[in-house]
Amino acid sequence: MKKREQTEVRLMVLLGIIRQLIATREAKLFAGVELNPSQFGVLNHFTHSPERTWTVTSLAEVMEMNQPGITKIVTVLLDRKLLESRSDAADSRRRNLKITANGLELCESIMKSLLPDVSYIFKNWEDADLTKLEDYMEKLMHWLDSHRDDLKLN
């Protein structure tokens, strides 16, 4: 294996390890929170553009979850009045989902409760290193987002 390939493989291994470590840490942190990590992830997705509406189908696609899983989460968020659902004007069978003021407040509250641990994780990082990491992660995220089904198997 070439040096570049070794580095690429090592990066993917590191990302997998980081994903697992974060999931374990997240589970501990969310033990005392009103929502579980999946529910928070879906609700938080709405905060990026609070005026935008989503259908269950569009949420399932963007969150890369199956329809039954996202429906279960949405049902919990609707029951808790964190999301609201309205019939589509053009197609009454279609439901448009939007975050409520309560949903925005809860997301902000949960983020504030997580901030001490986030700050703890990065407390020994220089600001310039955080900025570089953010830039690289944004670049990777955008590439992965725009190449969801573009797999190279050979």
N, C-alpha and C. Protein backbone atom coordinates (compact mmCIF):
# COMPACT_ATOMS: atom_id res chain seq x y z
N MET A 1 0.84 -1.18 0.00
CA MET A 1 0.00 0.00 0.00
C MET A 1 0.89 1.25 0.00
N LYS A 2 0.53 2.22 -0.82
CA LYS A 2 1.28 3.47 -0.90
C LYS A 2 1.04 4.30 0.36
N LYS A 3 1.95 5.22 0.62
CA LYS A 3 1.87 6.09 1.80
C LYS A 3 0.54 6.84 1.83
N ARG A 4 0.12 7.38 0.70
CA ARG A 4 -1.16 8.12 0.63
C ARG A 4 -2.32 7.20 1.01
N GLU A 5 -2.33 5.98 0.47
CA GLU A 5 -3.41 5.03 0.78
C GLU A 5 -3.39 4.66 2.26
N GLN A 6 -2.19 4.48 2.82
CA GLN A 6 -2.09 4.19 4.25
C GLN A 6 -2.68 5.33 5.09
N THR A 7 -2.39 6.54 4.70
CA THR A 7 -2.92 7.71 5.41
C THR A 7 -4.43 7.78 5.28
N GLU A 8 -4.95 7.54 4.08
CA GLU A 8 -6.40 7.57 3.86
C GLU A 8 -7.10 6.51 4.71
N VAL A 9 -6.54 5.30 4.72
CA VAL A 9 -7.12 4.22 5.52
C VAL A 9 -7.06 4.58 7.00
N ARG A 10 -5.93 5.10 7.44
CA ARG A 10 -5.79 5.50 8.85
C ARG A 10 -6.81 6.57 9.23
N LEU A 11 -7.05 7.53 8.35
CA LEU A 11 -8.06 8.56 8.61
C LEU A 11 -9.45 7.96 8.77
N MET A 12 -9.79 7.00 7.93
CA MET A 12 -11.12 6.38 8.03
C MET A 12 -11.23 5.55 9.32
N VAL A 13 -10.14 4.87 9.70
CA VAL A 13 -10.14 4.13 10.96
C VAL A 13 -10.32 5.09 12.13
N LEU A 14 -9.58 6.20 12.11
CA LEU A 14 -9.70 7.20 13.17
C LEU A 14 -11.12 7.78 13.24
N LEU A 15 -11.71 8.07 12.09
CA LEU A 15 -13.08 8.58 12.08
C LEU A 15 -14.06 7.56 12.68
N GLY A 16 -13.85 6.29 12.40
CA GLY A 16 -14.70 5.25 12.97
C GLY A 16 -14.55 5.17 14.49
N ILE A 17 -13.32 5.26 14.95
CA ILE A 17 -13.06 5.23 16.40
C ILE A 17 -13.68 6.45 17.06
N ILE A 18 -13.48 7.61 16.45
CA ILE A 18 -14.05 8.85 16.99
C ILE A 18 -15.57 8.77 17.02
N ARG A 19 -16.17 8.25 15.96
CA ARG A 19 -17.64 8.10 15.91
C ARG A 19 -18.13 7.25 17.09
N GLN A 20 -17.43 6.15 17.38
CA GLN A 20 -17.83 5.28 18.49
C GLN A 20 -17.63 5.96 19.84
N LEU A 21 -16.49 6.61 20.01
CA LEU A 21 -16.22 7.29 21.27
C LEU A 21 -17.24 8.42 21.52
N ILE A 22 -17.58 9.13 20.49
CA ILE A 22 -18.58 10.20 20.64
C ILE A 22 -19.94 9.61 20.96
N ALA A 23 -20.31 8.51 20.30
CA ALA A 23 -21.61 7.88 20.57
C ALA A 23 -21.70 7.43 22.03
N THR A 24 -20.63 6.86 22.54
CA THR A 24 -20.61 6.41 23.94
C THR A 24 -20.70 7.60 24.89
N ARG A 25 -19.95 8.64 24.61
CA ARG A 25 -19.97 9.85 25.44
C ARG A 25 -21.35 10.50 25.37
N GLU A 26 -21.91 10.56 24.18
CA GLU A 26 -23.24 11.14 23.97
C GLU A 26 -24.30 10.39 24.77
N ALA A 27 -24.22 9.09 24.78
CA ALA A 27 -25.20 8.29 25.53
C ALA A 27 -25.15 8.64 27.01
N LYS A 28 -23.95 8.82 27.54
CA LYS A 28 -23.81 9.20 28.96
C LYS A 28 -24.36 10.60 29.20
N LEU A 29 -24.02 11.53 28.32
CA LEU A 29 -24.47 12.92 28.48
C LEU A 29 -25.99 13.05 28.36
N PHE A 30 -26.59 12.28 27.47
CA PHE A 30 -28.03 12.40 27.23
C PHE A 30 -28.85 11.61 28.25
N ALA A 31 -28.19 10.89 29.14
CA ALA A 31 -28.93 10.13 30.16
C ALA A 31 -29.77 11.05 31.03
N GLY A 32 -29.33 12.29 31.22
CA GLY A 32 -30.08 13.22 32.05
C GLY A 32 -30.80 14.30 31.27
N VAL A 33 -31.00 14.08 29.97
CA VAL A 33 -31.61 15.08 29.10
C VAL A 33 -32.99 14.60 28.68
N GLU A 34 -33.86 15.55 28.36
CA GLU A 34 -35.25 15.24 28.02
C GLU A 34 -35.42 14.43 26.74
N LEU A 35 -34.48 14.53 25.82
CA LEU A 35 -34.55 13.80 24.56
C LEU A 35 -33.37 12.84 24.45
N ASN A 36 -33.55 11.78 23.66
CA ASN A 36 -32.39 10.93 23.40
C ASN A 36 -31.59 11.53 22.24
N PRO A 37 -30.38 11.05 21.98
CA PRO A 37 -29.56 11.65 20.93
C PRO A 37 -30.23 11.69 19.55
N SER A 38 -30.97 10.65 19.19
CA SER A 38 -31.64 10.63 17.88
C SER A 38 -32.74 11.68 17.80
N GLN A 39 -33.52 11.79 18.85
CA GLN A 39 -34.58 12.80 18.88
C GLN A 39 -33.98 14.20 18.83
N PHE A 40 -32.92 14.41 19.60
CA PHE A 40 -32.26 15.71 19.59
C PHE A 40 -31.68 16.01 18.21
N GLY A 41 -31.07 15.01 17.58
CA GLY A 41 -30.48 15.21 16.25
C GLY A 41 -31.51 15.65 15.24
N VAL A 42 -32.67 15.03 15.26
CA VAL A 42 -33.74 15.40 14.33
C VAL A 42 -34.26 16.80 14.66
N LEU A 43 -34.55 17.04 15.93
CA LEU A 43 -35.05 18.35 16.32
C LEU A 43 -34.03 19.44 16.01
N ASN A 44 -32.78 19.19 16.30
CA ASN A 44 -31.73 20.17 16.04
C ASN A 44 -31.61 20.48 14.55
N HIS A 45 -31.91 19.49 13.70
CA HIS A 45 -31.86 19.72 12.26
C HIS A 45 -32.79 20.87 11.87
N PHE A 46 -33.92 20.97 12.52
CA PHE A 46 -34.88 22.03 12.22
C PHE A 46 -34.38 23.42 12.61
N THR A 47 -33.46 23.49 13.57
CA THR A 47 -33.00 24.79 14.07
C THR A 47 -32.13 25.54 13.07
N HIS A 48 -31.57 24.84 12.09
CA HIS A 48 -30.69 25.50 11.11
C HIS A 48 -31.47 26.45 10.21
N SER A 49 -32.75 26.17 10.03
CA SER A 49 -33.63 27.02 9.24
C SER A 49 -35.04 26.87 9.81
N PRO A 50 -35.32 27.55 10.93
CA PRO A 50 -36.57 27.31 11.67
C PRO A 50 -37.86 27.57 10.89
N GLU A 51 -37.80 28.38 9.85
CA GLU A 51 -39.00 28.66 9.07
C GLU A 51 -39.28 27.58 8.02
N ARG A 52 -38.29 26.76 7.73
CA ARG A 52 -38.44 25.73 6.71
C ARG A 52 -39.30 24.58 7.23
N THR A 53 -40.08 24.00 6.33
CA THR A 53 -40.86 22.81 6.68
C THR A 53 -40.23 21.59 6.00
N TRP A 54 -40.48 20.45 6.60
CA TRP A 54 -39.97 19.18 6.11
C TRP A 54 -41.09 18.15 6.13
N THR A 55 -41.05 17.22 5.20
CA THR A 55 -41.94 16.06 5.27
C THR A 55 -41.15 14.93 5.93
N VAL A 56 -41.85 13.92 6.38
CA VAL A 56 -41.17 12.76 6.96
C VAL A 56 -40.22 12.16 5.93
N THR A 57 -40.65 12.09 4.69
CA THR A 57 -39.82 11.51 3.63
C THR A 57 -38.54 12.31 3.42
N SER A 58 -38.66 13.64 3.35
CA SER A 58 -37.47 14.46 3.15
C SER A 58 -36.54 14.41 4.35
N LEU A 59 -37.10 14.33 5.55
CA LEU A 59 -36.28 14.18 6.75
C LEU A 59 -35.54 12.85 6.74
N ALA A 60 -36.25 11.79 6.38
CA ALA A 60 -35.62 10.46 6.34
C ALA A 60 -34.43 10.47 5.38
N GLU A 61 -34.59 11.15 4.25
CA GLU A 61 -33.49 11.21 3.27
C GLU A 61 -32.30 11.98 3.81
N VAL A 62 -32.55 13.18 4.32
CA VAL A 62 -31.45 14.03 4.75
C VAL A 62 -30.78 13.50 6.02
N MET A 63 -31.55 12.86 6.90
CA MET A 63 -31.00 12.32 8.14
C MET A 63 -30.45 10.91 7.93
N GLU A 64 -30.65 10.36 6.74
CA GLU A 64 -30.20 9.02 6.38
C GLU A 64 -30.72 7.98 7.37
N MET A 65 -32.03 8.06 7.62
CA MET A 65 -32.72 7.12 8.50
C MET A 65 -33.84 6.46 7.70
N ASN A 66 -34.27 5.30 8.17
CA ASN A 66 -35.39 4.67 7.49
C ASN A 66 -36.70 5.36 7.91
N GLN A 67 -37.71 5.24 7.05
CA GLN A 67 -38.99 5.92 7.28
C GLN A 67 -39.63 5.56 8.62
N PRO A 68 -39.70 4.28 9.00
CA PRO A 68 -40.31 3.95 10.30
C PRO A 68 -39.56 4.59 11.47
N GLY A 69 -38.24 4.63 11.40
CA GLY A 69 -37.45 5.22 12.47
C GLY A 69 -37.69 6.71 12.61
N ILE A 70 -37.70 7.42 11.48
CA ILE A 70 -37.91 8.86 11.54
C ILE A 70 -39.34 9.16 11.95
N THR A 71 -40.30 8.33 11.52
CA THR A 71 -41.71 8.53 11.90
C THR A 71 -41.87 8.40 13.41
N LYS A 72 -41.21 7.44 14.00
CA LYS A 72 -41.27 7.24 15.45
C LYS A 72 -40.73 8.46 16.20
N ILE A 73 -39.61 8.98 15.74
CA ILE A 73 -39.01 10.16 16.37
C ILE A 73 -39.92 11.37 16.19
N VAL A 74 -40.43 11.57 14.98
CA VAL A 74 -41.31 12.71 14.70
C VAL A 74 -42.56 12.64 15.57
N THR A 75 -43.10 11.45 15.75
CA THR A 75 -44.30 11.29 16.59
C THR A 75 -44.03 11.75 18.01
N VAL A 76 -42.88 11.39 18.56
CA VAL A 76 -42.50 11.83 19.91
C VAL A 76 -42.39 13.35 19.95
N LEU A 77 -41.73 13.93 18.95
CA LEU A 77 -41.53 15.38 18.92
C LEU A 77 -42.85 16.13 18.74
N LEU A 78 -43.76 15.56 17.97
CA LEU A 78 -45.10 16.16 17.80
C LEU A 78 -45.88 16.07 19.11
N ASP A 79 -45.86 14.91 19.74
CA ASP A 79 -46.58 14.71 21.01
C ASP A 79 -46.09 15.67 22.09
N ARG A 80 -44.80 15.98 22.04
CA ARG A 80 -44.22 16.87 23.05
C ARG A 80 -44.33 18.34 22.64
N LYS A 81 -44.99 18.59 21.51
CA LYS A 81 -45.21 19.96 21.00
C LYS A 81 -43.90 20.66 20.65
N LEU A 82 -42.92 19.89 20.24
CA LEU A 82 -41.64 20.44 19.82
C LEU A 82 -41.62 20.67 18.31
N LEU A 83 -42.48 19.93 17.62
CA LEU A 83 -42.74 20.11 16.19
C LEU A 83 -44.23 20.31 16.01
N GLU A 84 -44.59 20.96 14.92
CA GLU A 84 -46.00 21.04 14.54
C GLU A 84 -46.14 20.47 13.14
N SER A 85 -47.33 19.99 12.85
CA SER A 85 -47.61 19.35 11.57
C SER A 85 -48.81 20.04 10.94
N ARG A 86 -48.66 20.40 9.67
CA ARG A 86 -49.75 21.03 8.92
C ARG A 86 -49.93 20.31 7.60
N SER A 87 -51.18 20.23 7.17
CA SER A 87 -51.47 19.64 5.86
C SER A 87 -50.90 20.52 4.76
N ASP A 88 -50.40 19.90 3.74
CA ASP A 88 -49.89 20.61 2.57
C ASP A 88 -51.08 21.16 1.79
N ALA A 89 -50.98 22.39 1.35
CA ALA A 89 -52.08 23.03 0.62
C ALA A 89 -52.36 22.32 -0.71
N ALA A 90 -51.33 21.81 -1.35
CA ALA A 90 -51.50 21.16 -2.65
C ALA A 90 -51.90 19.69 -2.53
N ASP A 91 -51.53 19.04 -1.44
CA ASP A 91 -51.80 17.62 -1.25
C ASP A 91 -52.09 17.37 0.23
N SER A 92 -53.35 17.21 0.57
CA SER A 92 -53.75 17.10 1.97
C SER A 92 -53.22 15.82 2.65
N ARG A 93 -52.78 14.84 1.87
CA ARG A 93 -52.21 13.62 2.45
C ARG A 93 -50.79 13.88 2.97
N ARG A 94 -50.20 14.91 2.47
CA ARG A 94 -48.82 15.25 2.82
C ARG A 94 -48.82 16.19 4.04
N ARG A 95 -47.93 15.89 5.00
CA ARG A 95 -47.83 16.70 6.22
C ARG A 95 -46.49 17.44 6.22
N ASN A 96 -46.56 18.73 6.48
CA ASN A 96 -45.36 19.55 6.58
C ASN A 96 -45.03 19.77 8.05
N LEU A 97 -43.81 19.49 8.41
CA LEU A 97 -43.35 19.57 9.80
C LEU A 97 -42.49 20.82 9.98
N LYS A 98 -42.68 21.46 11.11
CA LYS A 98 -41.93 22.68 11.42
C LYS A 98 -41.65 22.71 12.92
N ILE A 99 -40.52 23.25 13.29
CA ILE A 99 -40.17 23.35 14.70
C ILE A 99 -41.02 24.44 15.37
N THR A 100 -41.37 24.21 16.61
CA THR A 100 -42.14 25.20 17.37
C THR A 100 -41.19 26.04 18.23
N ALA A 101 -41.74 27.08 18.83
CA ALA A 101 -40.96 27.89 19.76
C ALA A 101 -40.45 27.02 20.91
N ASN A 102 -41.29 26.10 21.39
CA ASN A 102 -40.87 25.17 22.45
C ASN A 102 -39.70 24.31 21.98
N GLY A 103 -39.76 23.87 20.74
CA GLY A 103 -38.68 23.05 20.19
C GLY A 103 -37.38 23.83 20.11
N LEU A 104 -37.46 25.08 19.67
CA LEU A 104 -36.27 25.92 19.60
C LEU A 104 -35.68 26.16 21.00
N GLU A 105 -36.56 26.43 21.96
CA GLU A 105 -36.10 26.65 23.34
C GLU A 105 -35.45 25.41 23.92
N LEU A 106 -36.06 24.24 23.69
CA LEU A 106 -35.48 23.02 24.24
C LEU A 106 -34.14 22.72 23.60
N CYS A 107 -34.02 22.91 22.30
CA CYS A 107 -32.73 22.69 21.62
C CYS A 107 -31.65 23.59 22.22
N GLU A 108 -31.98 24.85 22.42
CA GLU A 108 -31.02 25.79 22.99
C GLU A 108 -30.64 25.36 24.41
N SER A 109 -31.62 24.93 25.18
CA SER A 109 -31.37 24.49 26.55
C SER A 109 -30.47 23.25 26.58
N ILE A 110 -30.74 22.31 25.70
CA ILE A 110 -29.91 21.09 25.64
C ILE A 110 -28.50 21.45 25.20
N MET A 111 -28.38 22.32 24.22
CA MET A 111 -27.04 22.73 23.76
C MET A 111 -26.27 23.38 24.91
N LYS A 112 -26.94 24.22 25.68
CA LYS A 112 -26.28 24.86 26.82
C LYS A 112 -25.85 23.82 27.86
N SER A 113 -26.66 22.79 28.05
CA SER A 113 -26.31 21.75 29.02
C SER A 113 -25.13 20.90 28.55
N LEU A 114 -24.94 20.80 27.23
CA LEU A 114 -23.84 20.02 26.67
C LEU A 114 -22.55 20.83 26.55
N LEU A 115 -22.68 22.15 26.54
CA LEU A 115 -21.53 23.02 26.30
C LEU A 115 -20.37 22.80 27.27
N PRO A 116 -20.62 22.60 28.57
CA PRO A 116 -19.45 22.36 29.44
C PRO A 116 -18.61 21.17 29.00
N ASP A 117 -19.24 20.10 28.57
CA ASP A 117 -18.46 18.93 28.13
C ASP A 117 -17.77 19.21 26.81
N VAL A 118 -18.45 19.91 25.91
CA VAL A 118 -17.82 20.26 24.63
C VAL A 118 -16.59 21.12 24.89
N SER A 119 -16.73 22.10 25.76
CA SER A 119 -15.59 22.97 26.11
C SER A 119 -14.47 22.17 26.77
N TYR A 120 -14.85 21.20 27.59
CA TYR A 120 -13.88 20.33 28.26
C TYR A 120 -13.07 19.52 27.24
N ILE A 121 -13.76 19.02 26.23
CA ILE A 121 -13.09 18.23 25.19
C ILE A 121 -12.02 19.05 24.49
N PHE A 122 -12.33 20.30 24.20
CA PHE A 122 -11.43 21.13 23.40
C PHE A 122 -10.62 22.15 24.21
N LYS A 123 -10.63 22.02 25.53
CA LYS A 123 -10.00 23.05 26.37
C LYS A 123 -8.51 23.23 26.11
N ASN A 124 -7.81 22.19 25.71
CA ASN A 124 -6.37 22.30 25.47
C ASN A 124 -6.02 22.55 24.00
N TRP A 125 -7.01 22.84 23.20
CA TRP A 125 -6.78 23.12 21.79
C TRP A 125 -6.58 24.62 21.59
N GLU A 126 -5.66 24.96 20.74
CA GLU A 126 -5.47 26.36 20.35
C GLU A 126 -6.62 26.76 19.42
N ASP A 127 -6.99 28.04 19.45
CA ASP A 127 -8.07 28.53 18.59
C ASP A 127 -7.78 28.23 17.11
N ALA A 128 -6.54 28.41 16.70
CA ALA A 128 -6.17 28.17 15.29
C ALA A 128 -6.37 26.70 14.92
N ASP A 129 -6.07 25.79 15.85
CA ASP A 129 -6.26 24.36 15.59
C ASP A 129 -7.74 24.02 15.48
N LEU A 130 -8.55 24.62 16.34
CA LEU A 130 -10.01 24.41 16.25
C LEU A 130 -10.55 24.90 14.91
N THR A 131 -10.07 26.04 14.47
CA THR A 131 -10.52 26.60 13.19
C THR A 131 -10.11 25.69 12.04
N LYS A 132 -8.88 25.18 12.07
CA LYS A 132 -8.42 24.26 11.02
C LYS A 132 -9.27 22.99 11.02
N LEU A 133 -9.52 22.43 12.21
CA LEU A 133 -10.33 21.21 12.30
C LEU A 133 -11.73 21.47 11.76
N GLU A 134 -12.30 22.59 12.14
CA GLU A 134 -13.64 22.94 11.64
C GLU A 134 -13.65 23.04 10.11
N ASP A 135 -12.64 23.69 9.55
CA ASP A 135 -12.56 23.83 8.10
C ASP A 135 -12.46 22.47 7.41
N TYR A 136 -11.61 21.59 7.94
CA TYR A 136 -11.44 20.26 7.35
C TYR A 136 -12.71 19.42 7.49
N MET A 137 -13.34 19.52 8.65
CA MET A 137 -14.57 18.75 8.86
C MET A 137 -15.70 19.25 7.97
N GLU A 138 -15.79 20.56 7.79
CA GLU A 138 -16.79 21.14 6.86
C GLU A 138 -16.55 20.62 5.45
N LYS A 139 -15.29 20.63 5.03
CA LYS A 139 -14.94 20.15 3.69
C LYS A 139 -15.34 18.69 3.52
N LEU A 140 -15.02 17.85 4.50
CA LEU A 140 -15.37 16.43 4.44
C LEU A 140 -16.88 16.25 4.46
N MET A 141 -17.58 16.99 5.34
CA MET A 141 -19.04 16.88 5.43
C MET A 141 -19.70 17.25 4.10
N HIS A 142 -19.26 18.35 3.50
CA HIS A 142 -19.86 18.77 2.23
C HIS A 142 -19.60 17.75 1.12
N TRP A 143 -18.40 17.18 1.09
CA TRP A 143 -18.11 16.17 0.08
C TRP A 143 -19.01 14.95 0.28
N LEU A 144 -19.08 14.46 1.51
CA LEU A 144 -19.91 13.28 1.80
C LEU A 144 -21.38 13.56 1.50
N ASP A 145 -21.85 14.76 1.84
CA ASP A 145 -23.24 15.12 1.60
C ASP A 145 -23.56 15.14 0.11
N SER A 146 -22.65 15.62 -0.70
CA SER A 146 -22.92 15.72 -2.14
C SER A 146 -22.56 14.44 -2.90
N HIS A 147 -22.03 13.44 -2.21
CA HIS A 147 -21.67 12.16 -2.85
C HIS A 147 -22.27 10.97 -2.09
N ARG A 148 -23.49 11.14 -1.57
CA ARG A 148 -24.12 10.09 -0.74
C ARG A 148 -24.21 8.74 -1.43
N ASP A 149 -24.50 8.73 -2.70
CA ASP A 149 -24.67 7.46 -3.42
C ASP A 149 -23.55 7.19 -4.40
N ASP A 150 -22.51 7.97 -4.35
CA ASP A 150 -21.38 7.87 -5.29
C ASP A 150 -20.29 7.04 -4.62
N LEU A 151 -20.42 5.72 -4.69
CA LEU A 151 -19.45 4.81 -4.06
C LEU A 151 -18.50 4.24 -5.10
N LYS A 152 -17.25 4.11 -4.74
CA LYS A 152 -16.24 3.46 -5.59
C LYS A 152 -15.89 2.13 -4.97
N LEU A 153 -16.27 1.06 -5.64
CA LEU A 153 -16.04 -0.27 -5.08
C LEU A 153 -14.86 -0.98 -5.73
N ASN A 154 -14.41 -0.52 -6.84
CA ASN A 154 -13.24 -1.13 -7.53
C ASN A 154 -12.24 -0.08 -7.90
